[in-house]
Amino acid sequence: VLDLNAFERQNKAEGLGMVTEEGTTSGNVVNGTIARQMVDMLVESSSNVTMILKFFDMFLKLRDIVSSDAFRHFVTDPRGLISKKDFQKAMDSQKQYEPDEIQFLLSCSEADENEMIDVESFAQRFQEPARDIGFNVAVLLTNLSEHVPHDQRLKTFLEQAESILDYFRPFLGRIEIMGAARRIERIYFEISGANKAQWEMPQVKESKRQFIFDVVNEGGEAEKMELFVNFCEDTIFEMQIASRISEEEAPRDEEEEEDEDREEEEPAEAPAAGLAG
């Protein structure tokens, strides 16, 4: 069993490190003991890990596939139901799954008494668990790739998990804080696509840099995590408020421009009326 908690504890002890824009690493213990042990365990369970990654890939892309126009063409029932036969045809047309994968998906589906499948419900049932667990796997592999960047065995798993990592990359928020022994620790968290764009804005990056120097070795882990959570909440709240203000100002600016246009037009109309008289 992969001990994720042990890996996280060792991360705090060794320091996750911070990769700068120049590509250098500071405060990071590369090839740490726990990181190497984690890769060893992945290799020992390689067949199971490969199967798990395959399942995640299947279920993470399922919702987008069943929502596509090409798939919906096979869903003729207004209630969103599809027969098992048509489900297989629709999946074959997508060219996203192997025949054995389609059969596996069919075995996971719950058909009614008429052998009809509710595709939306089916996709939703597996989407959230796949996202929750898959995100943790993506963070684990990302962390390991930073700790043992030259391990060829790990690169094999990274290649197998490429689609999963690509799926979660837009939702992967990251912040660095000063941790044990005044080393920089990197923390990953899930963030929405809309907030990710704001999270990467220059002014927010500056706030994150300041946060690194503000959060030092004082206090316990719980206190530091509370400070981090508060920082995230405050920053995202500020971004949301700024976004709302921008939305409110846009219509107001348009109204002011229209008023100015009317004022400019009125003097031009008065002489025209006098000439007509």
C-alpha atoms as a PDB file:
ATOM      1  CA  VAL A   1       0.000   0.000   0.000  1.00  0.00           C
ATOM      2  CA  LEU A   2       1.362   3.429  -0.917  1.00  0.00           C
ATOM      3  CA  ASP A   3       1.715   5.486   2.270  1.00  0.00           C
ATOM      4  CA  LEU A   4       0.831   8.964   0.999  1.00  0.00           C
ATOM      5  CA  ASN A   5       0.898  10.369   4.539  1.00  0.00           C
ATOM      6  CA  ALA A   6       4.463   9.165   5.070  1.00  0.00           C
ATOM      7  CA  PHE A   7       5.482  10.742   1.787  1.00  0.00           C
ATOM      8  CA  GLU A   8       3.885  14.045   2.810  1.00  0.00           C
ATOM      9  CA  ARG A   9       5.556  13.972   6.233  1.00  0.00           C
ATOM     10  CA  GLN A  10       8.925  13.357   4.617  1.00  0.00           C
ATOM     11  CA  ASN A  11       8.221  16.164   2.153  1.00  0.00           C
ATOM     12  CA  LYS A  12       7.883  18.494   5.127  1.00  0.00           C
ATOM     13  CA  ALA A  13      11.085  17.156   6.667  1.00  0.00           C
ATOM     14  CA  GLU A  14      13.162  17.341   3.490  1.00  0.00           C
ATOM     15  CA  GLY A  15      11.538  20.376   1.881  1.00  0.00           C
ATOM     16  CA  LEU A  16       9.675  20.184  -1.412  1.00  0.00           C
ATOM     17  CA  GLY A  17      11.827  22.847  -2.991  1.00  0.00           C
ATOM     18  CA  MET A  18      10.913  25.638  -5.354  1.00  0.00           C
ATOM     19  CA  VAL A  19      11.681  25.573  -9.059  1.00  0.00           C
ATOM     20  CA  THR A  20      12.425  29.099 -10.252  1.00  0.00           C
ATOM     21  CA  GLU A  21      11.678  30.560 -13.664  1.00  0.00           C
ATOM     22  CA  GLU A  22      15.304  29.879 -14.609  1.00  0.00           C
ATOM     23  CA  GLY A  23      14.723  26.176 -13.915  1.00  0.00           C
ATOM     24  CA  THR A  24      16.934  25.925 -10.837  1.00  0.00           C
ATOM     25  CA  THR A  25      15.866  24.361  -7.587  1.00  0.00           C
ATOM     26  CA  SER A  26      16.416  25.829  -4.140  1.00  0.00           C
ATOM     27  CA  GLY A  27      15.794  24.243  -0.768  1.00  0.00           C
ATOM     28  CA  ASN A  28      14.967  20.912  -2.345  1.00  0.00           C
ATOM     29  CA  VAL A  29      16.422  17.520  -1.408  1.00  0.00           C
ATOM     30  CA  VAL A  30      16.441  15.684  -4.730  1.00  0.00           C
ATOM     31  CA  ASN A  31      16.376  11.876  -4.642  1.00  0.00           C
ATOM     32  CA  GLY A  32      15.132  11.798  -1.045  1.00  0.00           C
ATOM     33  CA  THR A  33      14.680   8.479   0.737  1.00  0.00           C
ATOM     34  CA  ILE A  34      10.880   8.477   0.841  1.00  0.00           C
ATOM     35  CA  ALA A  35      10.585   9.577  -2.792  1.00  0.00           C
ATOM     36  CA  ARG A  36      12.801   6.689  -3.921  1.00  0.00           C
ATOM     37  CA  GLN A  37      10.829   4.259  -1.746  1.00  0.00           C
ATOM     38  CA  MET A  38       7.578   5.480  -3.288  1.00  0.00           C
ATOM     39  CA  VAL A  39       8.912   4.831  -6.782  1.00  0.00           C
ATOM     40  CA  ASP A  40      10.091   1.386  -5.633  1.00  0.00           C
ATOM     41  CA  MET A  41       6.554   0.603  -4.457  1.00  0.00           C
ATOM     42  CA  LEU A  42       5.071   1.848  -7.720  1.00  0.00           C
ATOM     43  CA  VAL A  43       7.396  -0.483  -9.612  1.00  0.00           C
ATOM     44  CA  GLU A  44       6.562  -3.445  -7.355  1.00  0.00           C
ATOM     45  CA  SER A  45       2.857  -2.848  -8.034  1.00  0.00           C
ATOM     46  CA  SER A  46       3.348  -1.756 -11.635  1.00  0.00           C
ATOM     47  CA  SER A  47       0.599  -3.976 -13.065  1.00  0.00           C
ATOM     48  CA  ASN A  48      -1.958  -2.642 -10.589  1.00  0.00           C
ATOM     49  CA  VAL A  49      -0.781   0.948 -11.030  1.00  0.00           C
ATOM     50  CA  THR A  50      -1.076   0.637 -14.801  1.00  0.00           C
ATOM     51  CA  MET A  51      -4.603  -0.734 -14.448  1.00  0.00           C
ATOM     52  CA  ILE A  52      -5.611   2.069 -12.064  1.00  0.00           C
ATOM     53  CA  LEU A  53      -4.255   4.747 -14.401  1.00  0.00           C
ATOM     54  CA  LYS A  54      -6.148   3.141 -17.265  1.00  0.00           C
ATOM     55  CA  PHE A  55      -9.417   3.175 -15.293  1.00  0.00           C
ATOM     56  CA  PHE A  56      -8.953   6.831 -14.348  1.00  0.00           C
ATOM     57  CA  ASP A  57      -8.345   7.738 -17.972  1.00  0.00           C
ATOM     58  CA  MET A  58     -11.482   5.879 -19.055  1.00  0.00           C
ATOM     59  CA  PHE A  59     -13.809   7.489 -16.526  1.00  0.00           C
ATOM     60  CA  LEU A  60     -12.379  11.022 -16.602  1.00  0.00           C
ATOM     61  CA  LYS A  61     -13.090  11.437 -20.309  1.00  0.00           C
ATOM     62  CA  LEU A  62     -16.429   9.586 -20.205  1.00  0.00           C
ATOM     63  CA  ARG A  63     -18.598  12.640 -19.449  1.00  0.00           C
ATOM     64  CA  ASP A  64     -17.178  14.704 -22.321  1.00  0.00           C
ATOM     65  CA  ILE A  65     -17.662  11.811 -24.709  1.00  0.00           C
ATOM     66  CA  VAL A  66     -21.307  11.113 -23.828  1.00  0.00           C
ATOM     67  CA  SER A  67     -22.030  14.865 -24.042  1.00  0.00           C
ATOM     68  CA  SER A  68     -20.606  15.203 -27.555  1.00  0.00           C
ATOM     69  CA  ASP A  69     -22.899  15.703 -30.544  1.00  0.00           C
ATOM     70  CA  ALA A  70     -21.521  12.575 -32.211  1.00  0.00           C
ATOM     71  CA  PHE A  71     -22.539  10.447 -29.225  1.00  0.00           C
ATOM     72  CA  ARG A  72     -25.890  12.211 -28.698  1.00  0.00           C
ATOM     73  CA  HIS A  73     -26.800  11.264 -32.258  1.00  0.00           C
ATOM     74  CA  PHE A  74     -27.309   7.710 -30.983  1.00  0.00           C
ATOM     75  CA  VAL A  75     -29.469   8.842 -28.028  1.00  0.00           C
ATOM     76  CA  THR A  76     -32.936   8.990 -29.564  1.00  0.00           C
ATOM     77  CA  ASP A  77     -34.952   8.634 -26.348  1.00  0.00           C
ATOM     78  CA  PRO A  78     -35.990  12.114 -25.050  1.00  0.00           C
ATOM     79  CA  ARG A  79     -35.284  10.937 -21.492  1.00  0.00           C
ATOM     80  CA  GLY A  80     -31.606  10.528 -22.346  1.00  0.00           C
ATOM     81  CA  LEU A  81     -31.745   6.730 -22.373  1.00  0.00           C
ATOM     82  CA  ILE A  82     -29.794   4.530 -24.766  1.00  0.00           C
ATOM     83  CA  SER A  83     -29.813   0.798 -25.381  1.00  0.00           C
ATOM     84  CA  LYS A  84     -26.703  -1.237 -24.654  1.00  0.00           C
ATOM     85  CA  LYS A  85     -26.392  -2.023 -28.357  1.00  0.00           C
ATOM     86  CA  ASP A  86     -26.520   1.648 -29.350  1.00  0.00           C
ATOM     87  CA  PHE A  87     -24.185   2.522 -26.482  1.00  0.00           C
ATOM     88  CA  GLN A  88     -21.596   0.172 -27.945  1.00  0.00           C
ATOM     89  CA  LYS A  89     -22.116   1.629 -31.441  1.00  0.00           C
ATOM     90  CA  ALA A  90     -21.762   5.167 -30.106  1.00  0.00           C
ATOM     91  CA  MET A  91     -18.566   4.288 -28.262  1.00  0.00           C
ATOM     92  CA  ASP A  92     -17.142   2.542 -31.326  1.00  0.00           C
ATOM     93  CA  SER A  93     -17.792   5.680 -33.379  1.00  0.00           C
ATOM     94  CA  GLN A  94     -15.795   7.821 -30.931  1.00  0.00           C
ATOM     95  CA  LYS A  95     -12.569   5.837 -31.466  1.00  0.00           C
ATOM     96  CA  GLN A  96     -11.562   6.655 -27.870  1.00  0.00           C
ATOM     97  CA  TYR A  97     -11.859   3.202 -26.300  1.00  0.00           C
ATOM     98  CA  GLU A  98     -10.622  -0.264 -27.146  1.00  0.00           C
ATOM     99  CA  PRO A  99     -13.300  -3.002 -27.534  1.00  0.00           C
ATOM    100  CA  ASP A 100     -12.416  -4.539 -24.167  1.00  0.00           C
ATOM    101  CA  GLU A 101     -12.706  -1.102 -22.513  1.00  0.00           C
ATOM    102  CA  ILE A 102     -16.173  -0.604 -23.996  1.00  0.00           C
ATOM    103  CA  GLN A 103     -17.227  -3.981 -22.655  1.00  0.00           C
ATOM    104  CA  PHE A 104     -15.885  -3.016 -19.249  1.00  0.00           C
ATOM    105  CA  LEU A 105     -17.893   0.228 -19.301  1.00  0.00           C
ATOM    106  CA  LEU A 106     -21.007  -1.729 -20.250  1.00  0.00           C
ATOM    107  CA  SER A 107     -20.424  -4.076 -17.331  1.00  0.00           C
ATOM    108  CA  CYS A 108     -20.275  -1.043 -15.008  1.00  0.00           C
ATOM    109  CA  SER A 109     -23.532   0.421 -16.318  1.00  0.00           C
ATOM    110  CA  GLU A 110     -26.907  -0.070 -14.650  1.00  0.00           C
ATOM    111  CA  ALA A 111     -29.633  -0.763 -17.201  1.00  0.00           C
ATOM    112  CA  ASP A 112     -33.356  -0.626 -16.444  1.00  0.00           C
ATOM    113  CA  GLU A 113     -35.851  -3.420 -17.056  1.00  0.00           C
ATOM    114  CA  ASN A 114     -35.804  -2.556 -20.766  1.00  0.00           C
ATOM    115  CA  GLU A 115     -32.003  -2.773 -20.951  1.00  0.00           C
ATOM    116  CA  MET A 116     -31.745   1.021 -21.351  1.00  0.00           C
ATOM    117  CA  ILE A 117     -28.923   3.099 -19.852  1.00  0.00           C
ATOM    118  CA  ASP A 118     -29.200   6.648 -18.523  1.00  0.00           C
ATOM    119  CA  VAL A 119     -25.937   7.954 -19.994  1.00  0.00           C
ATOM    120  CA  GLU A 120     -25.778  11.209 -17.999  1.00  0.00           C
ATOM    121  CA  SER A 121     -26.354   9.439 -14.698  1.00  0.00           C
ATOM    122  CA  PHE A 122     -23.857   6.745 -15.661  1.00  0.00           C
ATOM    123  CA  ALA A 123     -21.116   9.244 -16.514  1.00  0.00           C
ATOM    124  CA  GLN A 124     -21.807  11.356 -13.428  1.00  0.00           C
ATOM    125  CA  ARG A 125     -21.638   8.355 -11.094  1.00  0.00           C
ATOM    126  CA  PHE A 126     -18.002   7.685 -11.995  1.00  0.00           C
ATOM    127  CA  GLN A 127     -16.851  11.222 -12.770  1.00  0.00           C
ATOM    128  CA  GLU A 128     -16.620  12.592  -9.215  1.00  0.00           C
ATOM    129  CA  PRO A 129     -14.808   9.595  -7.654  1.00  0.00           C
ATOM    130  CA  ALA A 130     -12.410   9.536 -10.600  1.00  0.00           C
ATOM    131  CA  ARG A 131     -11.752  13.266 -10.169  1.00  0.00           C
ATOM    132  CA  ASP A 132     -11.257  13.056  -6.399  1.00  0.00           C
ATOM    133  CA  ILE A 133      -8.853  10.121  -6.455  1.00  0.00           C
ATOM    134  CA  GLY A 134      -7.277  11.011  -9.789  1.00  0.00           C
ATOM    135  CA  PHE A 135      -6.339  14.477  -8.529  1.00  0.00           C
ATOM    136  CA  ASN A 136      -4.399  12.951  -5.621  1.00  0.00           C
ATOM    137  CA  VAL A 137      -2.623  10.603  -8.024  1.00  0.00           C
ATOM    138  CA  ALA A 138      -1.742  13.550 -10.280  1.00  0.00           C
ATOM    139  CA  VAL A 139      -0.314  15.465  -7.301  1.00  0.00           C
ATOM    140  CA  LEU A 140       1.666  12.399  -6.179  1.00  0.00           C
ATOM    141  CA  LEU A 141       3.219  11.878  -9.609  1.00  0.00           C
ATOM    142  CA  THR A 142       3.935  15.595  -9.967  1.00  0.00           C
ATOM    143  CA  ASN A 143       5.673  15.630  -6.581  1.00  0.00           C
ATOM    144  CA  LEU A 144       7.700  12.532  -7.421  1.00  0.00           C
ATOM    145  CA  SER A 145       8.743  14.001 -10.766  1.00  0.00           C
ATOM    146  CA  GLU A 146      10.219  16.946  -8.855  1.00  0.00           C
ATOM    147  CA  HIS A 147      11.933  14.771  -6.234  1.00  0.00           C
ATOM    148  CA  VAL A 148      13.371  12.094  -8.534  1.00  0.00           C
ATOM    149  CA  PRO A 149      13.431  13.877 -11.910  1.00  0.00           C
ATOM    150  CA  HIS A 150      15.923  11.493 -13.516  1.00  0.00           C
ATOM    151  CA  ASP A 151      14.391   8.165 -12.473  1.00  0.00           C
ATOM    152  CA  GLN A 152      13.661   6.272 -15.685  1.00  0.00           C
ATOM    153  CA  ARG A 153      11.203   3.988 -13.891  1.00  0.00           C
ATOM    154  CA  LEU A 154       9.099   6.973 -12.857  1.00  0.00           C
ATOM    155  CA  LYS A 155       9.162   8.338 -16.400  1.00  0.00           C
ATOM    156  CA  THR A 156       7.376   5.176 -17.514  1.00  0.00           C
ATOM    157  CA  PHE A 157       4.499   5.897 -15.122  1.00  0.00           C
ATOM    158  CA  LEU A 158       4.454   9.569 -16.129  1.00  0.00           C
ATOM    159  CA  GLU A 159       4.045   8.513 -19.759  1.00  0.00           C
ATOM    160  CA  GLN A 160       1.192   6.174 -18.837  1.00  0.00           C
ATOM    161  CA  ALA A 161      -0.454   8.957 -16.810  1.00  0.00           C
ATOM    162  CA  GLU A 162       0.074  11.648 -19.446  1.00  0.00           C
ATOM    163  CA  SER A 163      -3.627  12.106 -20.233  1.00  0.00           C
ATOM    164  CA  ILE A 164      -4.502  12.228 -16.505  1.00  0.00           C
ATOM    165  CA  LEU A 165      -1.817  14.832 -15.827  1.00  0.00           C
ATOM    166  CA  ASP A 166      -3.027  16.857 -18.823  1.00  0.00           C
ATOM    167  CA  TYR A 167      -6.590  16.631 -17.504  1.00  0.00           C
ATOM    168  CA  PHE A 168      -5.715  18.024 -14.062  1.00  0.00           C
ATOM    169  CA  ARG A 169      -3.017  20.506 -15.087  1.00  0.00           C
ATOM    170  CA  PRO A 170      -5.520  23.380 -15.630  1.00  0.00           C
ATOM    171  CA  PHE A 171      -6.918  22.792 -12.110  1.00  0.00           C
ATOM    172  CA  LEU A 172      -3.577  22.445 -10.323  1.00  0.00           C
ATOM    173  CA  GLY A 173      -2.964  25.481  -8.121  1.00  0.00           C
ATOM    174  CA  ARG A 174       0.403  25.786  -6.449  1.00  0.00           C
ATOM    175  CA  ILE A 175       1.977  27.863  -3.713  1.00  0.00           C
ATOM    176  CA  GLU A 176       5.335  27.768  -1.958  1.00  0.00           C
ATOM    177  CA  ILE A 177       5.661  28.417   1.777  1.00  0.00           C
ATOM    178  CA  MET A 178       8.572  28.468   4.201  1.00  0.00           C
ATOM    179  CA  GLY A 179       8.557  25.169   6.066  1.00  0.00           C
ATOM    180  CA  ALA A 180      10.763  23.135   8.364  1.00  0.00           C
ATOM    181  CA  ALA A 181      14.408  24.208   8.648  1.00  0.00           C
ATOM    182  CA  ARG A 182      13.458  27.340   6.644  1.00  0.00           C
ATOM    183  CA  ARG A 183      13.177  25.330   3.441  1.00  0.00           C
ATOM    184  CA  ILE A 184      10.614  26.130   0.794  1.00  0.00           C
ATOM    185  CA  GLU A 185       7.678  23.693   0.655  1.00  0.00           C
ATOM    186  CA  ARG A 186       5.469  23.421  -2.401  1.00  0.00           C
ATOM    187  CA  ILE A 187       1.764  22.814  -1.803  1.00  0.00           C
ATOM    188  CA  TYR A 188      -0.680  21.808  -4.531  1.00  0.00           C
ATOM    189  CA  PHE A 189      -4.423  22.334  -4.384  1.00  0.00           C
ATOM    190  CA  GLU A 190      -7.364  22.144  -6.764  1.00  0.00           C
ATOM    191  CA  ILE A 191      -8.558  25.411  -8.291  1.00  0.00           C
ATOM    192  CA  SER A 192     -11.202  26.180 -10.918  1.00  0.00           C
ATOM    193  CA  GLY A 193     -10.169  27.152 -14.423  1.00  0.00           C
ATOM    194  CA  ALA A 194     -11.582  30.671 -13.988  1.00  0.00           C
ATOM    195  CA  ASN A 195      -9.706  31.264 -10.741  1.00  0.00           C
ATOM    196  CA  LYS A 196      -6.517  29.680 -12.148  1.00  0.00           C
ATOM    197  CA  ALA A 197      -6.178  32.511 -14.680  1.00  0.00           C
ATOM    198  CA  GLN A 198      -6.535  35.078 -11.902  1.00  0.00           C
ATOM    199  CA  TRP A 199      -4.249  33.055  -9.623  1.00  0.00           C
ATOM    200  CA  GLU A 200      -1.443  33.476 -12.184  1.00  0.00           C
ATOM    201  CA  MET A 201      -1.907  37.261 -12.516  1.00  0.00           C
ATOM    202  CA  PRO A 202       1.216  39.335 -11.651  1.00  0.00           C
ATOM    203  CA  GLN A 203      -0.342  41.061  -8.638  1.00  0.00           C
ATOM    204  CA  VAL A 204      -1.411  37.727  -7.140  1.00  0.00           C
ATOM    205  CA  LYS A 205       2.030  36.237  -7.782  1.00  0.00           C
ATOM    206  CA  GLU A 206       3.508  39.137  -5.837  1.00  0.00           C
ATOM    207  CA  SER A 207       1.134  38.380  -2.948  1.00  0.00           C
ATOM    208  CA  LYS A 208       2.281  34.759  -3.009  1.00  0.00           C
ATOM    209  CA  ARG A 209       5.936  35.821  -2.895  1.00  0.00           C
ATOM    210  CA  GLN A 210       5.218  37.990   0.121  1.00  0.00           C
ATOM    211  CA  PHE A 211       3.372  35.090   1.737  1.00  0.00           C
ATOM    212  CA  ILE A 212       6.531  32.965   1.470  1.00  0.00           C
ATOM    213  CA  PHE A 213       8.446  35.409   3.634  1.00  0.00           C
ATOM    214  CA  ASP A 214       5.581  35.996   6.059  1.00  0.00           C
ATOM    215  CA  VAL A 215       4.978  32.322   6.918  1.00  0.00           C
ATOM    216  CA  VAL A 216       8.099  31.127   8.718  1.00  0.00           C
ATOM    217  CA  ASN A 217       9.011  28.379  11.143  1.00  0.00           C
ATOM    218  CA  GLU A 218       6.973  29.800  14.006  1.00  0.00           C
ATOM    219  CA  GLY A 219       4.026  27.709  15.189  1.00  0.00           C
ATOM    220  CA  GLY A 220       2.999  24.176  14.359  1.00  0.00           C
ATOM    221  CA  GLU A 221       1.908  22.574  11.102  1.00  0.00           C
ATOM    222  CA  ALA A 222      -1.773  23.199  11.861  1.00  0.00           C
ATOM    223  CA  GLU A 223      -1.130  26.911  12.359  1.00  0.00           C
ATOM    224  CA  LYS A 224       0.830  27.192   9.122  1.00  0.00           C
ATOM    225  CA  MET A 225      -1.863  25.337   7.207  1.00  0.00           C
ATOM    226  CA  GLU A 226      -4.529  27.619   8.696  1.00  0.00           C
ATOM    227  CA  LEU A 227      -2.545  30.647   7.537  1.00  0.00           C
ATOM    228  CA  PHE A 228      -2.248  29.124   4.072  1.00  0.00           C
ATOM    229  CA  VAL A 229      -5.975  28.384   3.834  1.00  0.00           C
ATOM    230  CA  ASN A 230      -6.826  31.893   5.021  1.00  0.00           C
ATOM    231  CA  PHE A 231      -4.460  33.345   2.443  1.00  0.00           C
ATOM    232  CA  CYS A 232      -6.082  31.322  -0.351  1.00  0.00           C
ATOM    233  CA  GLU A 233      -9.590  32.274   0.757  1.00  0.00           C
ATOM    234  CA  ASP A 234      -8.710  35.967   1.034  1.00  0.00           C
ATOM    235  CA  THR A 235      -6.967  36.023  -2.332  1.00  0.00           C
ATOM    236  CA  ILE A 236      -9.766  34.253  -4.186  1.00  0.00           C
ATOM    237  CA  PHE A 237     -12.351  36.463  -2.431  1.00  0.00           C
ATOM    238  CA  GLU A 238     -10.463  39.560  -3.584  1.00  0.00           C
ATOM    239  CA  MET A 239     -10.331  38.201  -7.139  1.00  0.00           C
ATOM    240  CA  GLN A 240     -14.076  37.528  -7.142  1.00  0.00           C
ATOM    241  CA  ILE A 241     -14.858  41.031  -5.829  1.00  0.00           C
ATOM    242  CA  ALA A 242     -12.581  42.599  -8.445  1.00  0.00           C
ATOM    243  CA  SER A 243     -14.300  40.556 -11.150  1.00  0.00           C
ATOM    244  CA  ARG A 244     -17.755  41.700 -10.003  1.00  0.00           C
ATOM    245  CA  ILE A 245     -16.665  45.339  -9.911  1.00  0.00           C
ATOM    246  CA  SER A 246     -15.311  45.029 -13.442  1.00  0.00           C
ATOM    247  CA  GLU A 247     -18.612  43.547 -14.630  1.00  0.00           C
ATOM    248  CA  GLU A 248     -20.581  46.374 -12.995  1.00  0.00           C
ATOM    249  CA  GLU A 249     -18.363  49.096 -14.428  1.00  0.00           C
ATOM    250  CA  ALA A 250     -18.605  47.847 -17.996  1.00  0.00           C
ATOM    251  CA  PRO A 251     -22.357  48.635 -18.500  1.00  0.00           C
ATOM    252  CA  ARG A 252     -21.920  51.968 -16.687  1.00  0.00           C
ATOM    253  CA  ASP A 253     -19.126  52.975 -19.054  1.00  0.00           C
ATOM    254  CA  GLU A 254     -21.317  52.100 -22.028  1.00  0.00           C
ATOM    255  CA  GLU A 255     -24.166  54.268 -20.662  1.00  0.00           C
ATOM    256  CA  GLU A 256     -21.804  57.218 -20.153  1.00  0.00           C
ATOM    257  CA  GLU A 257     -20.552  56.880 -23.718  1.00  0.00           C
ATOM    258  CA  GLU A 258     -24.133  56.873 -25.017  1.00  0.00           C
ATOM    259  CA  ASP A 259     -24.930  60.037 -22.994  1.00  0.00           C
ATOM    260  CA  GLU A 260     -21.857  61.763 -24.398  1.00  0.00           C
ATOM    261  CA  ASP A 261     -22.852  60.776 -27.930  1.00  0.00           C
ATOM    262  CA  ARG A 262     -26.348  62.237 -27.416  1.00  0.00           C
ATOM    263  CA  GLU A 263     -24.909  65.499 -26.049  1.00  0.00           C
ATOM    264  CA  GLU A 264     -22.671  65.814 -29.088  1.00  0.00           C
ATOM    265  CA  GLU A 265     -25.587  65.190 -31.459  1.00  0.00           C
ATOM    266  CA  GLU A 266     -28.043  67.722 -29.891  1.00  0.00           C
ATOM    267  CA  PRO A 267     -26.175  70.972 -30.819  1.00  0.00           C
ATOM    268  CA  ALA A 268     -25.903  69.760 -34.388  1.00  0.00           C
ATOM    269  CA  GLU A 269     -29.685  69.277 -34.643  1.00  0.00           C
ATOM    270  CA  ALA A 270     -30.634  72.809 -33.420  1.00  0.00           C
ATOM    271  CA  PRO A 271     -29.268  74.787 -36.419  1.00  0.00           C
ATOM    272  CA  ALA A 272     -30.918  72.326 -38.766  1.00  0.00           C
ATOM    273  CA  ALA A 273     -34.310  73.099 -37.187  1.00  0.00           C
ATOM    274  CA  GLY A 274     -33.671  76.868 -37.524  1.00  0.00           C
ATOM    275  CA  LEU A 275     -32.909  76.567 -41.222  1.00  0.00           C
ATOM    276  CA  ALA A 276     -36.094  74.632 -41.754  1.00  0.00           C
ATOM    277  CA  GLY A 277     -38.050  77.518 -40.182  1.00  0.00           C
END
